[in-house]
Amino acid sequence: MKRLTVFAAYFVVISSAHELCTREDAERLSYEIAELKENNQDTYIGCFIDVVRDRDLTNLQGFFPATHATPNTLDFCSKRCRILGFIYMGVQNGQDCWCSNTYGKHGEAPHSQCNVPCPGNRDTMCGAGQRNSIYKLVQTHNENYVGCFIDVGRDRDMTNFQGLFPATHATPNTLGFCSVKCRKLGFKYMGVQNGQDCWCSNTYGKHGEAPQHQCNVSCPGNKETMCGAVYRNSIYIVGHKDTYIGCFVDVTSNRDMSNLQGFFPASHVTPNSLSFCSRRCRANGFKYMGVQNGQDCWCSNTYGKHGEAHHSSCNIPCPGYRDDMCGGLHRNSIYKLDG
């Protein structure tokens, strides 16, 4: 009886804290499936320790079969985490799907300890009891962030309103959800406001730009990202989807990438961001961009001659958008440019 009580209490906590797992939005899932096709390129990192009272990963997206009719698979968990904008996923004990932008605070475990098969595909392993099989996700990051912009209630900056959360959608707002909605409708830009609005438009900025710190309301579906504020839109380009590759070593006397596009703030008034660097490199016909030490924007058609670095070495926030990482000291965050 005691064991059943503990399980029931655990399930109640999951159900109340993670409504996303229990109230599926059919429209949203159809967009997810169309946008996030089968992808076997997620990179397995290793088996890592979890602690119940101090979770290693921050966001629980599923407890199987309690909150999902379908059994857990790596692909299902990957899609859930990517649509929410997370960098890593962890599958645990065959039934948990966790998402986060960090991992490993309790250390790595032997690979053999992640030995529970995934119920939906028993040829793959889904962690074990208090053990996460961690994967780095192939994803689009917030590289298309433009800035924080003013909105006016009687004269809206953006033209097409796609949802007030949670009033018109069962699931909480995320950058991924709004992006997919706007892109599917053919718009160039999206704006997320006050944590709950999703706007689409082909123009923006008629009321001017606001200081970045004024877009300070976190997205309910992923509280590690910002969704504007009251009459403030966090604006994103939705037409391009640059792909994060990894953190790579640079050497001052023998640069990894060939073309320096900006040293901030010396050569540009605006602070560095992934979006700025992406636009510069794309406009000049390059295939890849690298952001370094928070202030350098590099472009090139090749990368990696000095090898890959551990992801934790790319740990300096971008001054123009501090939710994104702009490399580290002699470390480039490398992206493959779309278009």
Protein backbone atom coordinates (compact mmCIF):
# COMPACT_ATOMS: atom_id res chain seq x y z
CA MET A 1 0.00 0.00 0.00
CA LYS A 2 2.81 2.39 0.85
CA ARG A 3 4.44 1.76 -2.51
CA LEU A 4 1.19 2.56 -4.34
CA THR A 5 0.77 5.77 -2.33
CA VAL A 6 4.24 6.96 -3.27
CA PHE A 7 3.55 6.26 -6.95
CA ALA A 8 0.22 8.07 -6.79
CA ALA A 9 1.81 11.12 -5.18
CA TYR A 10 4.56 11.13 -7.81
CA PHE A 11 2.00 11.00 -10.60
CA VAL A 12 -0.06 13.84 -9.12
CA VAL A 13 3.03 16.07 -9.00
CA ILE A 14 3.82 15.26 -12.62
CA SER A 15 0.24 15.85 -13.74
CA SER A 16 -0.13 19.22 -12.03
CA ALA A 17 3.30 20.59 -12.86
CA HIS A 18 3.40 19.48 -16.49
CA GLU A 19 0.02 20.04 -18.13
CA LEU A 20 1.75 19.81 -21.48
CA CYS A 21 2.05 16.06 -20.98
CA THR A 22 -1.62 15.45 -20.24
CA ARG A 23 -3.54 17.86 -22.49
CA GLU A 24 -2.48 17.29 -26.07
CA ASP A 25 -3.31 20.00 -28.57
CA ALA A 26 -4.16 18.12 -31.78
CA GLU A 27 -3.46 21.10 -34.01
CA ARG A 28 -0.06 21.67 -32.44
CA LEU A 29 0.94 18.04 -32.74
CA SER A 30 0.03 18.01 -36.44
CA TYR A 31 2.41 20.94 -36.93
CA GLU A 32 5.10 19.14 -34.95
CA ILE A 33 4.85 16.03 -37.08
CA ALA A 34 5.00 18.01 -40.31
CA GLU A 35 7.89 20.16 -39.12
CA LEU A 36 9.98 17.61 -37.23
CA LYS A 37 10.28 14.62 -39.53
CA GLU A 38 12.05 11.39 -38.56
CA ASN A 39 15.62 12.30 -37.67
CA ASN A 40 18.28 9.84 -36.60
CA GLN A 41 21.06 12.40 -36.29
CA ASP A 42 20.71 13.17 -32.58
CA THR A 43 24.05 12.47 -30.90
CA TYR A 44 24.27 10.05 -27.98
CA ILE A 45 26.41 11.58 -25.22
CA GLY A 46 26.31 8.98 -22.47
CA CYS A 47 24.64 7.55 -19.40
CA PHE A 48 24.24 10.06 -16.56
CA ILE A 49 23.13 9.95 -12.93
CA ASP A 50 19.84 11.50 -11.83
CA VAL A 51 18.65 12.27 -8.28
CA VAL A 52 14.92 12.40 -7.52
CA ARG A 53 15.16 15.38 -5.15
CA ASP A 54 17.52 17.33 -7.41
CA ARG A 55 16.78 16.49 -11.02
CA ASP A 56 19.62 16.70 -13.54
CA LEU A 57 17.32 17.76 -16.40
CA THR A 58 14.80 20.54 -15.93
CA ASN A 59 11.66 19.77 -17.91
CA LEU A 60 9.63 16.55 -17.80
CA GLN A 61 7.78 15.96 -21.07
CA GLY A 62 6.30 12.54 -20.53
CA PHE A 63 5.80 9.71 -18.06
CA PHE A 64 4.87 6.56 -19.99
CA PRO A 65 2.33 5.07 -20.21
CA ALA A 66 0.57 7.26 -17.64
CA THR A 67 0.56 10.50 -19.66
CA HIS A 68 0.84 9.15 -23.22
CA ALA A 69 -1.03 6.33 -24.94
CA THR A 70 1.97 5.50 -27.12
CA PRO A 71 5.08 3.86 -25.63
CA ASN A 72 8.24 5.91 -25.23
CA THR A 73 10.77 6.10 -28.07
CA LEU A 74 13.87 8.19 -28.70
CA ASP A 75 12.15 9.83 -31.67
CA PHE A 76 9.09 10.85 -29.67
CA CYS A 77 11.18 12.41 -26.90
CA SER A 78 13.44 14.13 -29.44
CA LYS A 79 10.50 15.79 -31.16
CA ARG A 80 9.01 16.98 -27.89
CA CYS A 81 12.26 18.54 -26.70
CA ARG A 82 13.15 20.13 -30.04
CA ILE A 83 9.77 21.79 -30.55
CA LEU A 84 10.27 23.40 -27.12
CA GLY A 85 13.73 24.66 -28.07
CA PHE A 86 15.84 22.53 -25.74
CA ILE A 87 19.37 21.38 -26.57
CA TYR A 88 19.39 18.00 -24.79
CA MET A 89 17.00 15.16 -24.03
CA GLY A 90 17.25 12.42 -21.45
CA VAL A 91 15.26 9.19 -21.46
CA GLN A 92 15.02 7.37 -18.14
CA ASN A 93 13.89 3.94 -16.96
CA GLY A 94 12.07 3.26 -20.23
CA GLN A 95 9.27 5.66 -19.40
CA ASP A 96 10.49 9.23 -18.74
CA CYS A 97 11.27 11.89 -21.35
CA TRP A 98 13.24 14.86 -19.97
CA CYS A 99 14.44 18.02 -21.76
CA SER A 100 17.03 20.60 -20.72
CA ASN A 101 19.74 22.97 -21.87
CA THR A 102 22.21 21.50 -19.36
CA TYR A 103 23.05 18.06 -18.01
CA GLY A 104 25.56 16.17 -15.91
CA LYS A 105 25.52 17.89 -12.51
CA HIS A 106 25.53 14.51 -10.73
CA GLY A 107 28.17 13.00 -12.99
CA GLU A 108 28.40 10.28 -15.61
CA ALA A 109 27.54 6.63 -15.00
CA PRO A 110 28.94 3.55 -16.77
CA HIS A 111 27.27 2.97 -20.13
CA SER A 112 26.12 -0.47 -18.97
CA GLN A 113 23.86 1.12 -16.31
CA CYS A 114 21.55 2.57 -18.99
CA ASN A 115 20.15 -0.85 -19.81
CA VAL A 116 16.35 -0.51 -19.98
CA PRO A 117 14.98 -0.86 -23.54
CA CYS A 118 12.64 1.80 -24.93
CA PRO A 119 9.12 0.27 -24.95
CA GLY A 120 8.41 1.71 -28.40
CA ASN A 121 11.66 0.38 -29.88
CA ARG A 122 13.37 -2.31 -27.85
CA ASP A 123 16.51 -2.14 -29.99
CA THR A 124 17.37 1.17 -28.28
CA MET A 125 18.07 1.91 -24.62
CA CYS A 126 16.00 4.38 -22.58
CA GLY A 127 18.15 4.84 -19.48
CA ALA A 128 17.37 3.01 -16.24
CA GLY A 129 16.29 3.76 -12.68
CA GLN A 130 17.76 7.22 -11.89
CA ARG A 131 19.90 6.97 -15.02
CA ASN A 132 19.38 9.16 -18.09
CA SER A 133 20.50 8.25 -21.59
CA ILE A 134 21.46 11.76 -22.75
CA TYR A 135 21.33 12.94 -26.37
CA LYS A 136 22.36 16.21 -28.01
CA LEU A 137 19.52 17.18 -30.32
CA VAL A 138 19.76 18.18 -33.94
CA GLN A 139 17.75 21.37 -33.76
CA THR A 140 17.15 24.92 -34.79
CA HIS A 141 18.17 27.30 -32.04
CA ASN A 142 17.16 30.91 -31.45
CA GLU A 143 19.63 32.10 -34.08
CA ASN A 144 16.92 34.11 -35.84
CA TYR A 145 16.21 36.44 -32.93
CA VAL A 146 15.93 40.07 -34.08
CA GLY A 147 15.23 42.03 -30.91
CA CYS A 148 12.70 43.44 -28.46
CA PHE A 149 10.15 45.78 -30.07
CA ILE A 150 7.36 48.07 -28.88
CA ASP A 151 3.70 47.23 -29.53
CA VAL A 152 0.67 49.51 -29.15
CA GLY A 153 -2.78 48.15 -28.32
CA ARG A 154 -4.69 50.39 -30.76
CA ASP A 155 -2.13 50.10 -33.55
CA ARG A 156 -0.55 46.68 -33.54
CA ASP A 157 2.99 46.29 -34.82
CA MET A 158 2.34 42.85 -36.32
CA THR A 159 -0.62 41.96 -38.51
CA ASN A 160 -1.73 38.43 -37.78
CA PHE A 161 -2.69 37.10 -34.36
CA GLN A 162 -2.22 33.35 -34.00
CA GLY A 163 -3.11 32.60 -30.41
CA LEU A 164 -3.62 33.81 -26.88
CA PHE A 165 -2.33 31.16 -24.48
CA PRO A 166 -3.86 29.29 -22.79
CA ALA A 167 -7.22 30.70 -23.90
CA THR A 168 -7.08 29.43 -27.51
CA HIS A 169 -4.60 26.57 -27.09
CA ALA A 170 -4.47 23.81 -24.49
CA THR A 171 -0.68 23.79 -24.51
CA PRO A 172 1.48 26.65 -23.16
CA ASN A 173 3.23 29.01 -25.56
CA THR A 174 6.73 28.29 -26.83
CA LEU A 175 8.98 29.80 -29.47
CA GLY A 176 8.79 26.56 -31.42
CA PHE A 177 5.00 26.52 -31.52
CA CYS A 178 4.69 30.14 -32.67
CA SER A 179 7.46 29.71 -35.23
CA VAL A 180 5.80 26.69 -36.83
CA LYS A 181 2.43 28.48 -36.98
CA CYS A 182 3.88 31.57 -38.67
CA ARG A 183 6.12 29.66 -41.06
CA LYS A 184 3.27 27.40 -42.16
CA LEU A 185 1.21 30.51 -42.98
CA GLY A 186 4.04 31.96 -45.05
CA PHE A 187 5.04 34.87 -42.80
CA LYS A 188 8.61 36.13 -42.47
CA TYR A 189 8.52 37.12 -38.80
CA MET A 190 6.94 36.06 -35.53
CA GLY A 191 6.48 38.01 -32.34
CA VAL A 192 5.83 36.51 -28.91
CA GLN A 193 4.37 38.87 -26.32
CA ASN A 194 3.79 38.74 -22.57
CA GLY A 195 4.33 34.99 -22.43
CA GLN A 196 1.01 34.24 -24.08
CA ASP A 197 0.60 35.94 -27.49
CA CYS A 198 1.83 34.61 -30.84
CA TRP A 199 1.87 37.17 -33.67
CA CYS A 200 2.95 36.74 -37.31
CA SER A 201 3.80 39.40 -39.88
CA ASN A 202 5.93 40.31 -42.88
CA THR A 203 6.93 43.58 -41.24
CA TYR A 204 7.78 44.80 -37.76
CA GLY A 205 9.18 47.78 -35.88
CA LYS A 206 6.87 50.67 -36.73
CA HIS A 207 6.82 51.76 -33.07
CA GLY A 208 10.57 51.31 -32.63
CA GLU A 209 12.89 49.02 -30.74
CA ALA A 210 12.88 48.60 -26.95
CA PRO A 211 15.82 47.78 -24.67
CA GLN A 212 16.45 44.05 -24.58
CA HIS A 213 15.81 43.80 -20.83
CA GLN A 214 12.19 44.88 -21.36
CA CYS A 215 11.41 41.52 -23.02
CA ASN A 216 11.64 39.70 -19.71
CA VAL A 217 8.63 37.35 -19.51
CA SER A 218 9.60 33.70 -19.88
CA CYS A 219 7.75 31.38 -22.25
CA PRO A 220 5.37 29.13 -20.27
CA GLY A 221 6.30 26.09 -22.36
CA ASN A 222 10.06 26.62 -21.92
CA LYS A 223 10.95 29.01 -19.12
CA GLU A 224 14.57 29.15 -20.25
CA THR A 225 13.49 31.33 -23.21
CA MET A 226 11.87 34.77 -23.28
CA CYS A 227 8.41 35.50 -24.75
CA GLY A 228 8.33 39.31 -24.77
CA ALA A 229 6.46 41.31 -22.11
CA VAL A 230 3.45 43.65 -21.81
CA TYR A 231 3.31 45.50 -25.16
CA ARG A 232 6.75 44.17 -25.99
CA ASN A 233 7.33 41.64 -28.77
CA SER A 234 10.33 39.35 -28.93
CA ILE A 235 10.74 39.29 -32.72
CA TYR A 236 12.18 36.35 -34.66
CA ILE A 237 12.85 35.62 -38.32
CA VAL A 238 11.07 32.39 -39.26
CA GLY A 239 12.23 32.05 -42.87
CA HIS A 240 15.60 30.46 -42.10
CA LYS A 241 16.55 27.57 -39.84
CA ASP A 242 20.27 27.53 -39.16
CA THR A 243 21.46 24.28 -37.57
CA TYR A 244 23.75 24.20 -34.55
CA ILE A 245 26.72 21.88 -35.18
CA GLY A 246 28.82 22.18 -32.04
CA CYS A 247 31.60 23.92 -30.14
CA PHE A 248 34.95 23.99 -31.97
CA VAL A 249 38.53 24.98 -31.16
CA ASP A 250 40.06 28.12 -32.71
CA VAL A 251 43.72 29.17 -32.75
CA THR A 252 44.68 32.85 -33.02
CA SER A 253 47.68 32.26 -35.27
CA ASN A 254 45.78 29.88 -37.55
CA ARG A 255 42.09 30.72 -37.61
CA ASP A 256 39.57 27.94 -38.12
CA MET A 257 37.18 30.16 -40.09
CA SER A 258 38.23 32.44 -42.93
CA ASN A 259 36.21 35.65 -42.77
CA LEU A 260 35.72 37.98 -39.78
CA GLN A 261 32.40 39.85 -40.09
CA GLY A 262 32.32 41.74 -36.84
CA PHE A 263 34.13 42.44 -33.62
CA PHE A 264 31.64 43.77 -31.07
CA PRO A 265 31.21 46.44 -29.96
CA ALA A 266 34.24 47.98 -31.70
CA SER A 267 32.95 47.62 -35.27
CA HIS A 268 29.18 47.58 -34.66
CA VAL A 269 26.88 49.70 -32.54
CA THR A 270 24.46 46.82 -31.91
CA PRO A 271 25.55 43.93 -29.66
CA ASN A 272 26.38 40.56 -31.18
CA SER A 273 23.66 37.96 -31.65
CA LEU A 274 23.25 34.74 -33.61
CA SER A 275 20.73 36.45 -35.85
CA PHE A 276 23.09 39.30 -36.75
CA CYS A 277 25.98 36.97 -37.56
CA SER A 278 23.72 34.63 -39.51
CA ARG A 279 22.45 37.44 -41.74
CA ARG A 280 25.98 38.73 -42.37
CA CYS A 281 27.38 35.34 -43.35
CA ARG A 282 24.36 34.35 -45.43
CA ALA A 283 24.42 37.65 -47.33
CA ASN A 284 28.06 37.02 -48.24
CA GLY A 285 27.38 33.51 -49.52
CA PHE A 286 29.04 31.48 -46.77
CA LYS A 287 27.88 28.04 -45.62
CA TYR A 288 28.82 28.32 -41.93
CA MET A 289 29.05 30.90 -39.18
CA GLY A 290 30.97 30.86 -35.94
CA VAL A 291 30.40 33.12 -32.94
CA GLN A 292 33.27 33.43 -30.47
CA ASN A 293 33.83 34.91 -27.03
CA GLY A 294 30.56 36.82 -27.16
CA GLN A 295 31.93 39.38 -29.60
CA ASP A 296 33.29 37.79 -32.80
CA CYS A 297 31.26 36.84 -35.88
CA TRP A 298 33.13 34.55 -38.29
CA CYS A 299 32.00 33.13 -41.65
CA SER A 300 33.47 30.30 -43.69
CA ASN A 301 32.77 27.43 -46.05
CA THR A 302 34.80 25.07 -43.86
CA TYR A 303 35.33 24.51 -40.15
CA GLY A 304 36.86 22.11 -37.64
CA LYS A 305 40.54 21.92 -38.59
CA HIS A 306 41.53 22.19 -34.91
CA GLY A 307 38.91 19.73 -33.73
CA GLU A 308 35.75 19.84 -31.64
CA ALA A 309 35.66 21.08 -28.04
CA HIS A 310 33.38 20.05 -25.20
CA HIS A 311 30.03 21.82 -25.43
CA SER A 312 30.59 23.43 -22.01
CA SER A 313 33.52 25.43 -23.45
CA CYS A 314 31.06 27.52 -25.48
CA ASN A 315 29.62 29.21 -22.41
CA ILE A 316 29.62 32.98 -23.08
CA PRO A 317 26.15 34.50 -23.65
CA CYS A 318 25.54 36.60 -26.76
CA PRO A 319 25.37 40.26 -25.67
CA GLY A 320 22.41 40.88 -28.01
CA TYR A 321 20.43 37.92 -26.71
CA ARG A 322 21.74 36.32 -23.55
CA ASP A 323 19.64 33.17 -23.83
CA ASP A 324 21.98 32.11 -26.66
CA MET A 325 25.62 31.13 -26.32
CA CYS A 326 28.23 32.95 -28.45
CA GLY A 327 31.16 30.57 -28.08
CA GLY A 328 33.97 31.01 -25.58
CA LEU A 329 37.62 32.01 -25.41
CA HIS A 330 39.18 30.49 -28.55
CA ARG A 331 35.96 28.52 -29.00
CA ASN A 332 33.47 28.94 -31.87
CA SER A 333 29.81 28.00 -31.65
CA ILE A 334 29.39 26.74 -35.24
CA TYR A 335 26.13 26.85 -37.22
CA LYS A 336 25.29 25.56 -40.68
CA LEU A 337 23.38 28.31 -42.49
CA ASP A 338 20.09 27.63 -44.20
CA GLY A 339 19.88 29.41 -47.53
